[in-house]
Amino acid sequence: MKTKKRPGQLAWAPNPGREVRVTTVGDRRALVENHLGVDAYSPELVRMRCRGGAVCLHGRGLSLREVRVGALIVAGVLDKVELDHDSPAG
């Protein structure tokens, strides 16, 4: 059986450093992996801590659909995904 090779740029990126990963499904659902906890939660904003900063999901009617250690699913109408980076010390 012959297997097809995928181009390197389409392969899923490895995540050895446990960096935050946000996967959206259209504008109605987002999976956030490797977060360090929820900082803020409202129907318009979900903010999660992550290494080096935070991830903010902005939208309307946002709700937490599934919460696990290090991963959660946010449902609602997503308008914006924002990465807030911590300022370097100094």
PDB file of N, CA and C in Angstrom:
ATOM      1  N   MET A   1       0.836  -1.172   0.000  1.00  0.00           N
ATOM      2  CA  MET A   1       0.000   0.000   0.000  1.00  0.00           C
ATOM      3  C   MET A   1       0.887   1.243   0.000  1.00  0.00           C
ATOM      4  N   LYS A   2       0.637   2.115  -0.929  1.00  0.00           N
ATOM      5  CA  LYS A   2       1.433   3.322  -1.062  1.00  0.00           C
ATOM      6  C   LYS A   2       0.818   4.437  -0.214  1.00  0.00           C
ATOM      7  N   THR A   3       1.674   5.144   0.557  1.00  0.00           N
ATOM      8  CA  THR A   3       1.164   6.251   1.366  1.00  0.00           C
ATOM      9  C   THR A   3       1.537   7.574   0.711  1.00  0.00           C
ATOM     10  N   LYS A   4       0.655   8.545   0.846  1.00  0.00           N
ATOM     11  CA  LYS A   4       0.905   9.868   0.302  1.00  0.00           C
ATOM     12  C   LYS A   4       1.673  10.692   1.322  1.00  0.00           C
ATOM     13  N   LYS A   5       2.607  11.466   0.842  1.00  0.00           N
ATOM     14  CA  LYS A   5       3.364  12.359   1.719  1.00  0.00           C
ATOM     15  C   LYS A   5       2.704  13.731   1.694  1.00  0.00           C
ATOM     16  N   ARG A   6       2.656  14.353   2.875  1.00  0.00           N
ATOM     17  CA  ARG A   6       2.145  15.722   2.962  1.00  0.00           C
ATOM     18  C   ARG A   6       3.308  16.680   2.858  1.00  0.00           C
ATOM     19  N   PRO A   7       3.092  17.830   2.225  1.00  0.00           N
ATOM     20  CA  PRO A   7       4.160  18.840   2.229  1.00  0.00           C
ATOM     21  C   PRO A   7       4.469  19.252   3.660  1.00  0.00           C
ATOM     22  N   GLY A   8       5.741  19.543   3.937  1.00  0.00           N
ATOM     23  CA  GLY A   8       6.169  19.904   5.282  1.00  0.00           C
ATOM     24  C   GLY A   8       5.416  21.079   5.869  1.00  0.00           C
ATOM     25  N   GLN A   9       5.054  22.071   5.069  1.00  0.00           N
ATOM     26  CA  GLN A   9       4.375  23.239   5.604  1.00  0.00           C
ATOM     27  C   GLN A   9       2.945  22.938   6.050  1.00  0.00           C
ATOM     28  N   LEU A  10       2.388  21.813   5.654  1.00  0.00           N
ATOM     29  CA  LEU A  10       1.034  21.460   6.066  1.00  0.00           C
ATOM     30  C   LEU A  10       0.997  20.504   7.245  1.00  0.00           C
ATOM     31  N   ALA A  11       2.142  19.991   7.654  1.00  0.00           N
ATOM     32  CA  ALA A  11       2.189  19.066   8.781  1.00  0.00           C
ATOM     33  C   ALA A  11       1.906  19.821  10.073  1.00  0.00           C
ATOM     34  N   TRP A  12       1.243  19.166  11.017  1.00  0.00           N
ATOM     35  CA  TRP A  12       0.932  19.774  12.305  1.00  0.00           C
ATOM     36  C   TRP A  12       2.231  20.060  13.040  1.00  0.00           C
ATOM     37  N   ALA A  13       2.373  21.271  13.530  1.00  0.00           N
ATOM     38  CA  ALA A  13       3.610  21.681  14.197  1.00  0.00           C
ATOM     39  C   ALA A  13       3.756  20.956  15.531  1.00  0.00           C
ATOM     40  N   PRO A  14       4.947  20.407  15.809  1.00  0.00           N
ATOM     41  CA  PRO A  14       5.163  19.777  17.108  1.00  0.00           C
ATOM     42  C   PRO A  14       5.108  20.839  18.204  1.00  0.00           C
ATOM     43  N   ASN A  15       4.760  20.433  19.410  1.00  0.00           N
ATOM     44  CA  ASN A  15       4.608  21.379  20.507  1.00  0.00           C
ATOM     45  C   ASN A  15       5.387  20.887  21.728  1.00  0.00           C
ATOM     46  N   PRO A  16       6.711  20.764  21.619  1.00  0.00           N
ATOM     47  CA  PRO A  16       7.477  20.193  22.730  1.00  0.00           C
ATOM     48  C   PRO A  16       7.548  21.112  23.943  1.00  0.00           C
ATOM     49  N   GLY A  17       7.433  22.429  23.753  1.00  0.00           N
ATOM     50  CA  GLY A  17       7.547  23.370  24.862  1.00  0.00           C
ATOM     51  C   GLY A  17       6.231  23.626  25.572  1.00  0.00           C
ATOM     52  N   ARG A  18       5.203  22.896  25.213  1.00  0.00           N
ATOM     53  CA  ARG A  18       3.881  23.062  25.818  1.00  0.00           C
ATOM     54  C   ARG A  18       3.383  24.496  25.664  1.00  0.00           C
ATOM     55  N   GLU A  19       3.632  25.084  24.482  1.00  0.00           N
ATOM     56  CA  GLU A  19       3.137  26.417  24.177  1.00  0.00           C
ATOM     57  C   GLU A  19       1.620  26.370  24.056  1.00  0.00           C
ATOM     58  N   VAL A  20       0.985  27.503  24.312  1.00  0.00           N
ATOM     59  CA  VAL A  20      -0.462  27.567  24.183  1.00  0.00           C
ATOM     60  C   VAL A  20      -0.830  27.340  22.716  1.00  0.00           C
ATOM     61  N   ARG A  21      -1.916  26.620  22.504  1.00  0.00           N
ATOM     62  CA  ARG A  21      -2.398  26.336  21.156  1.00  0.00           C
ATOM     63  C   ARG A  21      -3.886  26.646  21.126  1.00  0.00           C
ATOM     64  N   VAL A  22      -4.297  27.484  20.184  1.00  0.00           N
ATOM     65  CA  VAL A  22      -5.700  27.844  20.024  1.00  0.00           C
ATOM     66  C   VAL A  22      -6.151  27.342  18.662  1.00  0.00           C
ATOM     67  N   THR A  23      -7.194  26.515  18.659  1.00  0.00           N
ATOM     68  CA  THR A  23      -7.756  25.977  17.426  1.00  0.00           C
ATOM     69  C   THR A  23      -9.197  26.430  17.342  1.00  0.00           C
ATOM     70  N   THR A  24      -9.549  27.155  16.277  1.00  0.00           N
ATOM     71  CA  THR A  24     -10.925  27.611  16.121  1.00  0.00           C
ATOM     72  C   THR A  24     -11.637  26.778  15.071  1.00  0.00           C
ATOM     73  N   VAL A  25     -12.942  26.635  15.262  1.00  0.00           N
ATOM     74  CA  VAL A  25     -13.799  25.983  14.287  1.00  0.00           C
ATOM     75  C   VAL A  25     -14.783  27.050  13.830  1.00  0.00           C
ATOM     76  N   GLY A  26     -14.474  27.642  12.689  1.00  0.00           N
ATOM     77  CA  GLY A  26     -15.271  28.774  12.225  1.00  0.00           C
ATOM     78  C   GLY A  26     -15.211  29.893  13.245  1.00  0.00           C
ATOM     79  N   ASP A  27     -16.348  30.543  13.471  1.00  0.00           N
ATOM     80  CA  ASP A  27     -16.397  31.611  14.471  1.00  0.00           C
ATOM     81  C   ASP A  27     -17.281  31.220  15.649  1.00  0.00           C
ATOM     82  N   ARG A  28     -17.506  29.907  15.841  1.00  0.00           N
ATOM     83  CA  ARG A  28     -18.441  29.459  16.875  1.00  0.00           C
ATOM     84  C   ARG A  28     -17.820  28.644  18.009  1.00  0.00           C
ATOM     85  N   ARG A  29     -16.568  28.221  17.856  1.00  0.00           N
ATOM     86  CA  ARG A  29     -15.978  27.346  18.867  1.00  0.00           C
ATOM     87  C   ARG A  29     -14.464  27.459  18.836  1.00  0.00           C
ATOM     88  N   ALA A  30     -13.841  27.401  20.007  1.00  0.00           N
ATOM     89  CA  ALA A  30     -12.375  27.425  20.086  1.00  0.00           C
ATOM     90  C   ALA A  30     -11.918  26.428  21.139  1.00  0.00           C
ATOM     91  N   LEU A  31     -10.869  25.701  20.815  1.00  0.00           N
ATOM     92  CA  LEU A  31     -10.197  24.799  21.747  1.00  0.00           C
ATOM     93  C   LEU A  31      -8.899  25.477  22.140  1.00  0.00           C
ATOM     94  N   VAL A  32      -8.686  25.675  23.442  1.00  0.00           N
ATOM     95  CA  VAL A  32      -7.451  26.276  23.939  1.00  0.00           C
ATOM     96  C   VAL A  32      -6.731  25.212  24.756  1.00  0.00           C
ATOM     97  N   GLU A  33      -5.517  24.861  24.316  1.00  0.00           N
ATOM     98  CA  GLU A  33      -4.726  23.839  24.988  1.00  0.00           C
ATOM     99  C   GLU A  33      -3.504  24.467  25.642  1.00  0.00           C
ATOM    100  N   ASN A  34      -3.074  23.871  26.732  1.00  0.00           N
ATOM    101  CA  ASN A  34      -1.867  24.266  27.460  1.00  0.00           C
ATOM    102  C   ASN A  34      -1.991  25.625  28.141  1.00  0.00           C
ATOM    103  N   HIS A  35      -3.201  26.007  28.520  1.00  0.00           N
ATOM    104  CA  HIS A  35      -3.360  27.245  29.291  1.00  0.00           C
ATOM    105  C   HIS A  35      -3.042  26.942  30.754  1.00  0.00           C
ATOM    106  N   LEU A  36      -2.863  27.994  31.541  1.00  0.00           N
ATOM    107  CA  LEU A  36      -2.499  27.834  32.946  1.00  0.00           C
ATOM    108  C   LEU A  36      -3.611  28.271  33.891  1.00  0.00           C
ATOM    109  N   GLY A  37      -4.795  28.496  33.377  1.00  0.00           N
ATOM    110  CA  GLY A  37      -5.925  28.879  34.214  1.00  0.00           C
ATOM    111  C   GLY A  37      -6.702  30.028  33.609  1.00  0.00           C
ATOM    112  N   VAL A  38      -7.963  30.161  34.017  1.00  0.00           N
ATOM    113  CA  VAL A  38      -8.835  31.222  33.526  1.00  0.00           C
ATOM    114  C   VAL A  38      -8.707  32.427  34.449  1.00  0.00           C
ATOM    115  N   ASP A  39      -8.388  33.583  33.877  1.00  0.00           N
ATOM    116  CA  ASP A  39      -8.264  34.841  34.634  1.00  0.00           C
ATOM    117  C   ASP A  39      -9.569  35.616  34.663  1.00  0.00           C
ATOM    118  N   ALA A  40     -10.294  35.616  33.538  1.00  0.00           N
ATOM    119  CA  ALA A  40     -11.530  36.390  33.434  1.00  0.00           C
ATOM    120  C   ALA A  40     -12.517  35.606  32.589  1.00  0.00           C
ATOM    121  N   TYR A  41     -13.796  35.736  32.947  1.00  0.00           N
ATOM    122  CA  TYR A  41     -14.831  35.015  32.211  1.00  0.00           C
ATOM    123  C   TYR A  41     -16.106  35.832  32.219  1.00  0.00           C
ATOM    124  N   SER A  42     -16.616  36.137  31.037  1.00  0.00           N
ATOM    125  CA  SER A  42     -17.907  36.799  30.875  1.00  0.00           C
ATOM    126  C   SER A  42     -18.446  36.393  29.501  1.00  0.00           C
ATOM    127  N   PRO A  43     -19.689  36.745  29.180  1.00  0.00           N
ATOM    128  CA  PRO A  43     -20.222  36.411  27.857  1.00  0.00           C
ATOM    129  C   PRO A  43     -19.493  37.108  26.700  1.00  0.00           C
ATOM    130  N   GLU A  44     -18.679  38.135  27.015  1.00  0.00           N
ATOM    131  CA  GLU A  44     -17.955  38.862  25.978  1.00  0.00           C
ATOM    132  C   GLU A  44     -16.450  38.596  25.967  1.00  0.00           C
ATOM    133  N   LEU A  45     -15.902  37.978  27.038  1.00  0.00           N
ATOM    134  CA  LEU A  45     -14.454  37.793  27.132  1.00  0.00           C
ATOM    135  C   LEU A  45     -14.118  36.557  27.959  1.00  0.00           C
ATOM    136  N   VAL A  46     -13.196  35.760  27.440  1.00  0.00           N
ATOM    137  CA  VAL A  46     -12.572  34.680  28.215  1.00  0.00           C
ATOM    138  C   VAL A  46     -11.075  34.905  28.103  1.00  0.00           C
ATOM    139  N   ARG A  47     -10.424  35.103  29.257  1.00  0.00           N
ATOM    140  CA  ARG A  47      -8.977  35.356  29.291  1.00  0.00           C
ATOM    141  C   ARG A  47      -8.309  34.245  30.081  1.00  0.00           C
ATOM    142  N   MET A  48      -7.281  33.618  29.465  1.00  0.00           N
ATOM    143  CA  MET A  48      -6.548  32.530  30.097  1.00  0.00           C
ATOM    144  C   MET A  48      -5.078  32.877  30.191  1.00  0.00           C
ATOM    145  N   ARG A  49      -4.464  32.540  31.326  1.00  0.00           N
ATOM    146  CA  ARG A  49      -3.016  32.694  31.483  1.00  0.00           C
ATOM    147  C   ARG A  49      -2.316  31.611  30.659  1.00  0.00           C
ATOM    148  N   CYS A  50      -1.152  31.957  30.149  1.00  0.00           N
ATOM    149  CA  CYS A  50      -0.327  30.975  29.459  1.00  0.00           C
ATOM    150  C   CYS A  50       1.130  31.385  29.637  1.00  0.00           C
ATOM    151  N   ARG A  51       2.025  30.505  29.300  1.00  0.00           N
ATOM    152  CA  ARG A  51       3.448  30.831  29.412  1.00  0.00           C
ATOM    153  C   ARG A  51       3.741  32.054  28.561  1.00  0.00           C
ATOM    154  N   GLY A  52       4.288  33.075  29.173  1.00  0.00           N
ATOM    155  CA  GLY A  52       4.668  34.269  28.435  1.00  0.00           C
ATOM    156  C   GLY A  52       3.566  35.277  28.234  1.00  0.00           C
ATOM    157  N   GLY A  53       2.399  35.095  28.858  1.00  0.00           N
ATOM    158  CA  GLY A  53       1.343  36.081  28.693  1.00  0.00           C
ATOM    159  C   GLY A  53      -0.045  35.531  28.906  1.00  0.00           C
ATOM    160  N   ALA A  54      -0.943  35.861  27.979  1.00  0.00           N
ATOM    161  CA  ALA A  54      -2.341  35.445  28.100  1.00  0.00           C
ATOM    162  C   ALA A  54      -2.958  35.304  26.719  1.00  0.00           C
ATOM    163  N   VAL A  55      -4.048  34.550  26.661  1.00  0.00           N
ATOM    164  CA  VAL A  55      -4.870  34.417  25.467  1.00  0.00           C
ATOM    165  C   VAL A  55      -6.236  34.982  25.812  1.00  0.00           C
ATOM    166  N   CYS A  56      -6.740  35.880  24.966  1.00  0.00           N
ATOM    167  CA  CYS A  56      -8.060  36.476  25.175  1.00  0.00           C
ATOM    168  C   CYS A  56      -8.953  36.118  23.991  1.00  0.00           C
ATOM    169  N   LEU A  57     -10.126  35.590  24.294  1.00  0.00           N
ATOM    170  CA  LEU A  57     -11.139  35.337  23.278  1.00  0.00           C
ATOM    171  C   LEU A  57     -12.242  36.362  23.479  1.00  0.00           C
ATOM    172  N   HIS A  58     -12.520  37.162  22.455  1.00  0.00           N
ATOM    173  CA  HIS A  58     -13.547  38.194  22.508  1.00  0.00           C
ATOM    174  C   HIS A  58     -14.716  37.750  21.640  1.00  0.00           C
ATOM    175  N   GLY A  59     -15.939  38.043  22.085  1.00  0.00           N
ATOM    176  CA  GLY A  59     -17.087  37.678  21.281  1.00  0.00           C
ATOM    177  C   GLY A  59     -18.394  37.980  21.968  1.00  0.00           C
ATOM    178  N   ARG A  60     -19.416  37.212  21.596  1.00  0.00           N
ATOM    179  CA  ARG A  60     -20.760  37.385  22.139  1.00  0.00           C
ATOM    180  C   ARG A  60     -21.328  36.029  22.532  1.00  0.00           C
ATOM    181  N   GLY A  61     -21.956  35.994  23.693  1.00  0.00           N
ATOM    182  CA  GLY A  61     -22.561  34.743  24.162  1.00  0.00           C
ATOM    183  C   GLY A  61     -21.550  33.650  24.430  1.00  0.00           C
ATOM    184  N   LEU A  62     -20.359  34.022  24.883  1.00  0.00           N
ATOM    185  CA  LEU A  62     -19.314  33.020  25.127  1.00  0.00           C
ATOM    186  C   LEU A  62     -19.625  32.197  26.367  1.00  0.00           C
ATOM    187  N   SER A  63     -19.366  30.916  26.281  1.00  0.00           N
ATOM    188  CA  SER A  63     -19.551  30.018  27.424  1.00  0.00           C
ATOM    189  C   SER A  63     -18.486  28.936  27.381  1.00  0.00           C
ATOM    190  N   LEU A  64     -18.154  28.421  28.560  1.00  0.00           N
ATOM    191  CA  LEU A  64     -17.191  27.324  28.664  1.00  0.00           C
ATOM    192  C   LEU A  64     -17.962  26.025  28.490  1.00  0.00           C
ATOM    193  N   ARG A  65     -17.668  25.304  27.420  1.00  0.00           N
ATOM    194  CA  ARG A  65     -18.401  24.071  27.130  1.00  0.00           C
ATOM    195  C   ARG A  65     -17.768  22.856  27.777  1.00  0.00           C
ATOM    196  N   GLU A  66     -16.465  22.832  27.807  1.00  0.00           N
ATOM    197  CA  GLU A  66     -15.761  21.693  28.401  1.00  0.00           C
ATOM    198  C   GLU A  66     -14.476  22.221  29.006  1.00  0.00           C
ATOM    199  N   VAL A  67     -14.212  21.854  30.250  1.00  0.00           N
ATOM    200  CA  VAL A  67     -13.015  22.320  30.939  1.00  0.00           C
ATOM    201  C   VAL A  67     -12.266  21.112  31.469  1.00  0.00           C
ATOM    202  N   ARG A  68     -11.004  21.008  31.100  1.00  0.00           N
ATOM    203  CA  ARG A  68     -10.106  19.963  31.610  1.00  0.00           C
ATOM    204  C   ARG A  68      -8.830  20.641  32.076  1.00  0.00           C
ATOM    205  N   VAL A  69      -8.002  19.922  32.784  1.00  0.00           N
ATOM    206  CA  VAL A  69      -6.711  20.474  33.191  1.00  0.00           C
ATOM    207  C   VAL A  69      -5.922  20.812  31.933  1.00  0.00           C
ATOM    208  N   GLY A  70      -5.602  22.074  31.758  1.00  0.00           N
ATOM    209  CA  GLY A  70      -4.788  22.497  30.632  1.00  0.00           C
ATOM    210  C   GLY A  70      -5.501  22.667  29.312  1.00  0.00           C
ATOM    211  N   ALA A  71      -6.807  22.397  29.242  1.00  0.00           N
ATOM    212  CA  ALA A  71      -7.534  22.548  27.978  1.00  0.00           C
ATOM    213  C   ALA A  71      -8.990  22.910  28.250  1.00  0.00           C
ATOM    214  N   LEU A  72      -9.550  23.719  27.371  1.00  0.00           N
ATOM    215  CA  LEU A  72     -10.971  24.033  27.478  1.00  0.00           C
ATOM    216  C   LEU A  72     -11.533  24.376  26.115  1.00  0.00           C
ATOM    217  N   ILE A  73     -12.862  24.273  26.022  1.00  0.00           N
ATOM    218  CA  ILE A  73     -13.576  24.621  24.800  1.00  0.00           C
ATOM    219  C   ILE A  73     -14.480  25.793  25.120  1.00  0.00           C
ATOM    220  N   VAL A  74     -14.395  26.845  24.300  1.00  0.00           N
ATOM    221  CA  VAL A  74     -15.243  28.022  24.430  1.00  0.00           C
ATOM    222  C   VAL A  74     -16.183  28.033  23.236  1.00  0.00           C
ATOM    223  N   ALA A  75     -17.485  28.209  23.505  1.00  0.00           N
ATOM    224  CA  ALA A  75     -18.482  28.276  22.440  1.00  0.00           C
ATOM    225  C   ALA A  75     -19.149  29.642  22.480  1.00  0.00           C
ATOM    226  N   GLY A  76     -19.684  30.065  21.370  1.00  0.00           N
ATOM    227  CA  GLY A  76     -20.336  31.354  21.219  1.00  0.00           C
ATOM    228  C   GLY A  76     -19.911  31.946  19.888  1.00  0.00           C
ATOM    229  N   VAL A  77     -20.153  33.235  19.705  1.00  0.00           N
ATOM    230  CA  VAL A  77     -19.719  33.916  18.490  1.00  0.00           C
ATOM    231  C   VAL A  77     -18.377  34.565  18.776  1.00  0.00           C
ATOM    232  N   LEU A  78     -17.332  34.048  18.155  1.00  0.00           N
ATOM    233  CA  LEU A  78     -15.980  34.559  18.354  1.00  0.00           C
ATOM    234  C   LEU A  78     -15.717  35.702  17.379  1.00  0.00           C
ATOM    235  N   ASP A  79     -15.312  36.847  17.925  1.00  0.00           N
ATOM    236  CA  ASP A  79     -14.974  38.001  17.095  1.00  0.00           C
ATOM    237  C   ASP A  79     -13.470  38.174  16.948  1.00  0.00           C
ATOM    238  N   LYS A  80     -12.723  37.829  18.006  1.00  0.00           N
ATOM    239  CA  LYS A  80     -11.285  38.076  17.969  1.00  0.00           C
ATOM    240  C   LYS A  80     -10.572  37.141  18.929  1.00  0.00           C
ATOM    241  N   VAL A  81      -9.397  36.653  18.515  1.00  0.00           N
ATOM    242  CA  VAL A  81      -8.480  35.905  19.367  1.00  0.00           C
ATOM    243  C   VAL A  81      -7.243  36.780  19.513  1.00  0.00           C
ATOM    244  N   GLU A  82      -6.855  37.045  20.765  1.00  0.00           N
ATOM    245  CA  GLU A  82      -5.766  37.972  21.020  1.00  0.00           C
ATOM    246  C   GLU A  82      -4.722  37.325  21.926  1.00  0.00           C
ATOM    247  N   LEU A  83      -3.445  37.498  21.568  1.00  0.00           N
ATOM    248  CA  LEU A  83      -2.355  37.020  22.399  1.00  0.00           C
ATOM    249  C   LEU A  83      -1.699  38.227  23.062  1.00  0.00           C
ATOM    250  N   ASP A  84      -1.720  38.265  24.381  1.00  0.00           N
ATOM    251  CA  ASP A  84      -1.065  39.332  25.140  1.00  0.00           C
ATOM    252  C   ASP A  84       0.246  38.783  25.666  1.00  0.00           C
ATOM    253  N   HIS A  85       1.348  39.349  25.235  1.00  0.00           N
ATOM    254  CA  HIS A  85       2.662  38.892  25.662  1.00  0.00           C
ATOM    255  C   HIS A  85       3.119  39.686  26.865  1.00  0.00           C
ATOM    256  N   ASP A  86       3.732  39.001  27.840  1.00  0.00           N
ATOM    257  CA  ASP A  86       4.345  39.680  28.979  1.00  0.00           C
ATOM    258  C   ASP A  86       5.515  40.513  28.478  1.00  0.00           C
ATOM    259  N   SER A  87       5.714  41.658  29.102  1.00  0.00           N
ATOM    260  CA  SER A  87       6.876  42.488  28.781  1.00  0.00           C
ATOM    261  C   SER A  87       8.125  41.829  29.362  1.00  0.00           C
ATOM    262  N   PRO A  88       9.233  41.850  28.645  1.00  0.00           N
ATOM    263  CA  PRO A  88      10.469  41.302  29.224  1.00  0.00           C
ATOM    264  C   PRO A  88      10.922  42.136  30.402  1.00  0.00           C
ATOM    265  N   ALA A  89      11.414  41.471  31.429  1.00  0.00           N
ATOM    266  CA  ALA A  89      11.871  42.179  32.627  1.00  0.00           C
ATOM    267  C   ALA A  89      13.093  43.005  32.276  1.00  0.00           C
ATOM    268  N   GLY A  90      13.192  44.167  32.905  1.00  0.00           N
ATOM    269  CA  GLY A  90      14.368  44.952  32.647  1.00  0.00           C
ATOM    270  C   GLY A  90      13.994  46.341  32.562  1.00  0.00           C
TER     271      GLY A  90
END
